[in-house]
Amino acid sequence: MVGGIVGGALALILLCAIYGPFIRGALQRTPGGVIKRLTTPGAEHHVRLTWITATGGTWNPAKPPGIGNPIFTPGHGTYRLTDDGEVHLTWIQSSGEKRTYEGRIPDRLRPSSPHRRRVRHVLHLVVLLYTVVSISGFAIGYFASSGGVGARLGYGGLGVLAGWVAIWFVILVINIARGTGNALSGSKIPE
C-alpha cells in the first residue's frame, strides 16, 4: 500500500517534470506570452518550434490572434518591440528561409487593458473554484469511505475527479444556455 502511494507520487512528479517545460514553452509563444516579455521598446523575445512543438504554433503579429492564425512552421524567431509600438517577428524556418511578420499589439492584449484585467480576474476565480472543489471532493471521498488509508485516498481522488466533472458539466450547460439565448434573440455570440 505504501509502495502504491509512493509510486503514484513519483509518477505525478515525473509527469509534471515532463509536461511542465512543454506547457511553459507553449505559453511563451501565445500572443499574451510574447507581449508579456516585450515590456519596453527594443526588447526581444526568442522562440523556437520543433516538429513536436510546431503543432501549437507561435503568434503571428501580422494577423489578429485566433485559431488558424499562428505560424506552424518549424524554425526559430525573434520578436522585437519597436519604438512605435509594433511587434516585428523575424522567422527563420528549418529550411533556412527567412520571413518577417509585423503588426501592432491588439488593444485587448495589452496588460493594462480592461479585457486583460477581466481575463485575470476570471482565471483567479477559476483557480479558486477548482481548488475549493478539489479539496471538498477529496474530503468527501476520503471521509465517506471505509477501509484502509490507500482505499480512502483512492476514494478521495475519485471525489476530486467527480468535482471536476461536475464543474465541466455546469460550464457546458451555461455555455449552451448562453449560445441558445443569443441565437434566439438574433444577436451574435461574443468571441
C-alpha atoms as a PDB file:
ATOM      1  CA  MET A   1       0.000   0.000   0.000  1.00  0.00           C
ATOM      2  CA  VAL A   2       2.757   2.453   0.925  1.00  0.00           C
ATOM      3  CA  GLY A   3       4.566   1.427  -2.248  1.00  0.00           C
ATOM      4  CA  GLY A   4       1.491   2.343  -4.303  1.00  0.00           C
ATOM      5  CA  ILE A   5       1.273   5.771  -2.690  1.00  0.00           C
ATOM      6  CA  VAL A   6       4.989   6.425  -3.226  1.00  0.00           C
ATOM      7  CA  GLY A   7       4.726   5.137  -6.808  1.00  0.00           C
ATOM      8  CA  GLY A   8       1.742   7.398  -7.512  1.00  0.00           C
ATOM      9  CA  ALA A   9       3.546  10.405  -6.050  1.00  0.00           C
ATOM     10  CA  LEU A  10       6.670   9.684  -8.124  1.00  0.00           C
ATOM     11  CA  ALA A  11       4.554   9.277 -11.261  1.00  0.00           C
ATOM     12  CA  LEU A  12       2.896  12.637 -10.600  1.00  0.00           C
ATOM     13  CA  ILE A  13       6.274  14.324 -10.065  1.00  0.00           C
ATOM     14  CA  LEU A  14       7.630  12.747 -13.272  1.00  0.00           C
ATOM     15  CA  LEU A  15       4.546  13.831 -15.219  1.00  0.00           C
ATOM     16  CA  CYS A  16       4.944  17.435 -14.002  1.00  0.00           C
ATOM     17  CA  ALA A  17       8.666  17.362 -14.807  1.00  0.00           C
ATOM     18  CA  ILE A  18       7.955  16.188 -18.365  1.00  0.00           C
ATOM     19  CA  TYR A  19       4.945  18.345 -19.201  1.00  0.00           C
ATOM     20  CA  GLY A  20       5.954  21.458 -17.250  1.00  0.00           C
ATOM     21  CA  PRO A  21       8.526  22.688 -19.810  1.00  0.00           C
ATOM     22  CA  PHE A  22       6.153  21.936 -22.712  1.00  0.00           C
ATOM     23  CA  ILE A  23       3.355  23.969 -21.139  1.00  0.00           C
ATOM     24  CA  ARG A  24       5.685  26.818 -20.174  1.00  0.00           C
ATOM     25  CA  GLY A  25       7.108  26.910 -23.712  1.00  0.00           C
ATOM     26  CA  ALA A  26       3.641  26.868 -25.260  1.00  0.00           C
ATOM     27  CA  LEU A  27       2.525  29.777 -23.073  1.00  0.00           C
ATOM     28  CA  GLN A  28       5.603  31.785 -24.090  1.00  0.00           C
ATOM     29  CA  ARG A  29       4.558  31.516 -27.758  1.00  0.00           C
ATOM     30  CA  THR A  30       0.983  32.803 -27.282  1.00  0.00           C
ATOM     31  CA  PRO A  31       0.205  36.457 -28.054  1.00  0.00           C
ATOM     32  CA  GLY A  32      -0.154  37.226 -24.340  1.00  0.00           C
ATOM     33  CA  GLY A  33       3.068  35.390 -23.504  1.00  0.00           C
ATOM     34  CA  VAL A  34       5.042  37.247 -26.153  1.00  0.00           C
ATOM     35  CA  ILE A  35       3.627  40.648 -25.174  1.00  0.00           C
ATOM     36  CA  LYS A  36       4.372  39.999 -21.514  1.00  0.00           C
ATOM     37  CA  ARG A  37       8.052  39.601 -22.401  1.00  0.00           C
ATOM     38  CA  LEU A  38       8.202  42.680 -24.653  1.00  0.00           C
ATOM     39  CA  THR A  39       7.930  45.257 -21.900  1.00  0.00           C
ATOM     40  CA  THR A  40       9.973  48.123 -23.353  1.00  0.00           C
ATOM     41  CA  PRO A  41      10.848  49.316 -26.887  1.00  0.00           C
ATOM     42  CA  GLY A  42      13.812  47.351 -28.171  1.00  0.00           C
ATOM     43  CA  ALA A  43      13.004  44.328 -26.015  1.00  0.00           C
ATOM     44  CA  GLU A  44      13.384  40.933 -27.686  1.00  0.00           C
ATOM     45  CA  HIS A  45      11.865  37.505 -27.112  1.00  0.00           C
ATOM     46  CA  HIS A  46      13.250  34.370 -28.779  1.00  0.00           C
ATOM     47  CA  VAL A  47      11.118  31.340 -29.629  1.00  0.00           C
ATOM     48  CA  ARG A  48      11.752  28.007 -31.277  1.00  0.00           C
ATOM     49  CA  LEU A  49       9.410  25.479 -32.854  1.00  0.00           C
ATOM     50  CA  THR A  50      10.487  21.885 -33.340  1.00  0.00           C
ATOM     51  CA  TRP A  51       8.482  19.308 -35.247  1.00  0.00           C
ATOM     52  CA  ILE A  52       6.839  18.395 -31.919  1.00  0.00           C
ATOM     53  CA  THR A  53       6.011  21.911 -30.691  1.00  0.00           C
ATOM     54  CA  ALA A  54       5.062  23.228 -34.153  1.00  0.00           C
ATOM     55  CA  THR A  55       1.562  21.803 -33.716  1.00  0.00           C
ATOM     56  CA  GLY A  56       0.896  24.560 -31.153  1.00  0.00           C
ATOM     57  CA  GLY A  57       2.426  27.277 -33.304  1.00  0.00           C
ATOM     58  CA  THR A  58       3.646  30.711 -32.346  1.00  0.00           C
ATOM     59  CA  TRP A  59       1.970  34.124 -32.576  1.00  0.00           C
ATOM     60  CA  ASN A  60       1.926  35.798 -35.978  1.00  0.00           C
ATOM     61  CA  PRO A  61       1.802  39.562 -35.253  1.00  0.00           C
ATOM     62  CA  ALA A  62       0.703  40.277 -38.848  1.00  0.00           C
ATOM     63  CA  LYS A  63      -2.687  38.622 -38.195  1.00  0.00           C
ATOM     64  CA  PRO A  64      -5.219  39.076 -35.407  1.00  0.00           C
ATOM     65  CA  PRO A  65      -4.888  36.443 -32.679  1.00  0.00           C
ATOM     66  CA  GLY A  66      -7.160  33.492 -33.279  1.00  0.00           C
ATOM     67  CA  ILE A  67      -7.405  29.886 -34.314  1.00  0.00           C
ATOM     68  CA  GLY A  68      -5.518  29.195 -37.528  1.00  0.00           C
ATOM     69  CA  ASN A  69      -3.518  32.429 -37.466  1.00  0.00           C
ATOM     70  CA  PRO A  70      -0.300  31.292 -35.720  1.00  0.00           C
ATOM     71  CA  ILE A  71       2.862  30.223 -37.528  1.00  0.00           C
ATOM     72  CA  PHE A  72       3.147  26.423 -37.520  1.00  0.00           C
ATOM     73  CA  THR A  73       6.387  26.033 -39.488  1.00  0.00           C
ATOM     74  CA  PRO A  74       9.306  24.565 -37.503  1.00  0.00           C
ATOM     75  CA  GLY A  75      12.125  27.046 -37.021  1.00  0.00           C
ATOM     76  CA  HIS A  76      13.185  29.832 -34.689  1.00  0.00           C
ATOM     77  CA  GLY A  77      12.492  33.513 -34.454  1.00  0.00           C
ATOM     78  CA  THR A  78      12.889  36.743 -32.570  1.00  0.00           C
ATOM     79  CA  TYR A  79      10.066  39.063 -31.580  1.00  0.00           C
ATOM     80  CA  ARG A  80      11.123  42.697 -31.217  1.00  0.00           C
ATOM     81  CA  LEU A  81       9.096  45.649 -29.932  1.00  0.00           C
ATOM     82  CA  THR A  82       9.741  48.883 -31.841  1.00  0.00           C
ATOM     83  CA  ASP A  83       9.559  52.453 -30.544  1.00  0.00           C
ATOM     84  CA  ASP A  84       6.200  52.994 -32.264  1.00  0.00           C
ATOM     85  CA  GLY A  85       4.605  50.001 -30.514  1.00  0.00           C
ATOM     86  CA  GLU A  86       4.783  47.474 -33.359  1.00  0.00           C
ATOM     87  CA  VAL A  87       5.916  43.897 -32.942  1.00  0.00           C
ATOM     88  CA  HIS A  88       8.341  42.571 -35.565  1.00  0.00           C
ATOM     89  CA  LEU A  89       8.964  38.842 -35.881  1.00  0.00           C
ATOM     90  CA  THR A  90      11.917  37.592 -37.874  1.00  0.00           C
ATOM     91  CA  TRP A  91      11.237  33.900 -38.513  1.00  0.00           C
ATOM     92  CA  ILE A  92      13.861  31.515 -39.882  1.00  0.00           C
ATOM     93  CA  GLN A  93      12.343  28.230 -40.988  1.00  0.00           C
ATOM     94  CA  SER A  94      14.197  24.950 -40.553  1.00  0.00           C
ATOM     95  CA  SER A  95      14.857  25.010 -44.307  1.00  0.00           C
ATOM     96  CA  GLY A  96      16.744  28.311 -43.865  1.00  0.00           C
ATOM     97  CA  GLU A  97      14.090  30.525 -45.470  1.00  0.00           C
ATOM     98  CA  LYS A  98      13.734  33.853 -43.644  1.00  0.00           C
ATOM     99  CA  ARG A  99      10.397  35.669 -43.251  1.00  0.00           C
ATOM    100  CA  THR A 100       9.349  38.849 -41.489  1.00  0.00           C
ATOM    101  CA  TYR A 101       5.965  39.494 -39.887  1.00  0.00           C
ATOM    102  CA  GLU A 102       4.917  42.751 -38.251  1.00  0.00           C
ATOM    103  CA  GLY A 103       1.862  44.273 -36.674  1.00  0.00           C
ATOM    104  CA  ARG A 104       0.571  46.371 -33.794  1.00  0.00           C
ATOM    105  CA  ILE A 105      -0.230  44.917 -30.410  1.00  0.00           C
ATOM    106  CA  PRO A 106      -4.009  44.482 -30.274  1.00  0.00           C
ATOM    107  CA  ASP A 107      -5.513  46.740 -27.600  1.00  0.00           C
ATOM    108  CA  ARG A 108      -7.295  43.834 -25.936  1.00  0.00           C
ATOM    109  CA  LEU A 109      -3.939  42.095 -25.365  1.00  0.00           C
ATOM    110  CA  ARG A 110      -2.189  44.974 -23.643  1.00  0.00           C
ATOM    111  CA  PRO A 111      -1.555  44.065 -19.982  1.00  0.00           C
ATOM    112  CA  SER A 112      -3.343  47.183 -18.721  1.00  0.00           C
ATOM    113  CA  SER A 113      -6.427  46.795 -20.930  1.00  0.00           C
ATOM    114  CA  PRO A 114      -9.848  46.158 -19.358  1.00  0.00           C
ATOM    115  CA  HIS A 115     -10.099  42.894 -21.314  1.00  0.00           C
ATOM    116  CA  ARG A 116      -6.851  41.528 -19.803  1.00  0.00           C
ATOM    117  CA  ARG A 117      -7.925  42.599 -16.300  1.00  0.00           C
ATOM    118  CA  ARG A 118     -11.214  40.724 -16.740  1.00  0.00           C
ATOM    119  CA  VAL A 119      -9.340  37.658 -18.002  1.00  0.00           C
ATOM    120  CA  ARG A 120      -7.013  37.757 -14.975  1.00  0.00           C
ATOM    121  CA  HIS A 121      -9.990  38.035 -12.592  1.00  0.00           C
ATOM    122  CA  VAL A 122     -11.772  35.135 -14.286  1.00  0.00           C
ATOM    123  CA  LEU A 123      -8.619  32.989 -14.160  1.00  0.00           C
ATOM    124  CA  HIS A 124      -8.221  33.701 -10.443  1.00  0.00           C
ATOM    125  CA  LEU A 125     -11.851  32.732  -9.864  1.00  0.00           C
ATOM    126  CA  VAL A 126     -11.436  29.533 -11.886  1.00  0.00           C
ATOM    127  CA  VAL A 127      -8.328  28.538  -9.913  1.00  0.00           C
ATOM    128  CA  LEU A 128     -10.162  29.267  -6.670  1.00  0.00           C
ATOM    129  CA  LEU A 129     -13.198  27.258  -7.816  1.00  0.00           C
ATOM    130  CA  TYR A 130     -11.097  24.232  -8.797  1.00  0.00           C
ATOM    131  CA  THR A 131      -9.147  24.430  -5.529  1.00  0.00           C
ATOM    132  CA  VAL A 132     -12.291  24.546  -3.396  1.00  0.00           C
ATOM    133  CA  VAL A 133     -13.971  21.760  -5.395  1.00  0.00           C
ATOM    134  CA  SER A 134     -10.815  19.611  -5.286  1.00  0.00           C
ATOM    135  CA  ILE A 135     -10.398  19.953  -1.524  1.00  0.00           C
ATOM    136  CA  SER A 136     -14.123  19.403  -0.916  1.00  0.00           C
ATOM    137  CA  GLY A 137     -14.289  16.423  -3.280  1.00  0.00           C
ATOM    138  CA  PHE A 138     -11.243  14.826  -1.709  1.00  0.00           C
ATOM    139  CA  ALA A 139     -12.570  15.363   1.816  1.00  0.00           C
ATOM    140  CA  ILE A 140     -15.983  13.942   0.946  1.00  0.00           C
ATOM    141  CA  GLY A 141     -14.473  10.919  -0.809  1.00  0.00           C
ATOM    142  CA  TYR A 142     -11.946  10.287   1.947  1.00  0.00           C
ATOM    143  CA  PHE A 143     -14.247  10.647   4.960  1.00  0.00           C
ATOM    144  CA  ALA A 144     -17.305   8.994   3.382  1.00  0.00           C
ATOM    145  CA  SER A 145     -15.393   5.799   2.570  1.00  0.00           C
ATOM    146  CA  SER A 146     -14.283   2.992   4.788  1.00  0.00           C
ATOM    147  CA  GLY A 147     -11.276   0.727   4.667  1.00  0.00           C
ATOM    148  CA  GLY A 148      -7.563   1.311   4.750  1.00  0.00           C
ATOM    149  CA  VAL A 149      -5.728   4.528   4.068  1.00  0.00           C
ATOM    150  CA  GLY A 150      -4.974   3.504   0.482  1.00  0.00           C
ATOM    151  CA  ALA A 151      -8.644   2.851  -0.278  1.00  0.00           C
ATOM    152  CA  ARG A 152      -9.665   6.124   1.339  1.00  0.00           C
ATOM    153  CA  LEU A 153      -7.044   8.016  -0.682  1.00  0.00           C
ATOM    154  CA  GLY A 154      -8.405   6.367  -3.819  1.00  0.00           C
ATOM    155  CA  TYR A 155     -11.947   7.444  -2.978  1.00  0.00           C
ATOM    156  CA  GLY A 156     -10.640  10.939  -2.222  1.00  0.00           C
ATOM    157  CA  GLY A 157      -9.113  11.011  -5.711  1.00  0.00           C
ATOM    158  CA  LEU A 158     -12.427   9.888  -7.175  1.00  0.00           C
ATOM    159  CA  GLY A 159     -14.118  12.709  -5.249  1.00  0.00           C
ATOM    160  CA  VAL A 160     -11.744  15.219  -6.860  1.00  0.00           C
ATOM    161  CA  LEU A 161     -12.449  13.742 -10.297  1.00  0.00           C
ATOM    162  CA  ALA A 162     -16.205  13.850  -9.687  1.00  0.00           C
ATOM    163  CA  GLY A 163     -15.943  17.511  -8.679  1.00  0.00           C
ATOM    164  CA  TRP A 164     -14.039  18.370 -11.861  1.00  0.00           C
ATOM    165  CA  VAL A 165     -16.619  16.553 -13.988  1.00  0.00           C
ATOM    166  CA  ALA A 166     -19.382  18.479 -12.202  1.00  0.00           C
ATOM    167  CA  ILE A 167     -17.622  21.803 -12.962  1.00  0.00           C
ATOM    168  CA  TRP A 168     -17.217  20.803 -16.606  1.00  0.00           C
ATOM    169  CA  PHE A 169     -20.907  19.874 -16.848  1.00  0.00           C
ATOM    170  CA  VAL A 170     -22.088  23.131 -15.264  1.00  0.00           C
ATOM    171  CA  ILE A 171     -19.880  25.191 -17.603  1.00  0.00           C
ATOM    172  CA  LEU A 172     -21.166  23.187 -20.573  1.00  0.00           C
ATOM    173  CA  VAL A 173     -24.795  23.862 -19.601  1.00  0.00           C
ATOM    174  CA  ILE A 174     -24.067  27.587 -19.080  1.00  0.00           C
ATOM    175  CA  ASN A 175     -22.377  27.862 -22.492  1.00  0.00           C
ATOM    176  CA  ILE A 176     -25.240  26.037 -24.205  1.00  0.00           C
ATOM    177  CA  ALA A 177     -27.774  28.296 -22.496  1.00  0.00           C
ATOM    178  CA  ARG A 178     -25.835  31.416 -23.485  1.00  0.00           C
ATOM    179  CA  GLY A 179     -25.485  30.227 -27.075  1.00  0.00           C
ATOM    180  CA  THR A 180     -29.150  29.273 -27.306  1.00  0.00           C
ATOM    181  CA  GLY A 181     -30.241  32.569 -25.772  1.00  0.00           C
ATOM    182  CA  ASN A 182     -28.072  34.550 -28.196  1.00  0.00           C
ATOM    183  CA  ALA A 183     -29.328  32.508 -31.155  1.00  0.00           C
ATOM    184  CA  LEU A 184     -32.966  33.029 -30.139  1.00  0.00           C
ATOM    185  CA  SER A 185     -32.512  36.759 -29.683  1.00  0.00           C
ATOM    186  CA  GLY A 186     -30.747  37.036 -33.040  1.00  0.00           C
ATOM    187  CA  SER A 187     -27.598  38.580 -31.595  1.00  0.00           C
ATOM    188  CA  LYS A 188     -24.093  37.478 -32.387  1.00  0.00           C
ATOM    189  CA  ILE A 189     -22.352  35.150 -29.951  1.00  0.00           C
ATOM    190  CA  PRO A 190     -19.418  37.033 -28.386  1.00  0.00           C
ATOM    191  CA  GLU A 191     -15.956  35.647 -29.013  1.00  0.00           C
END
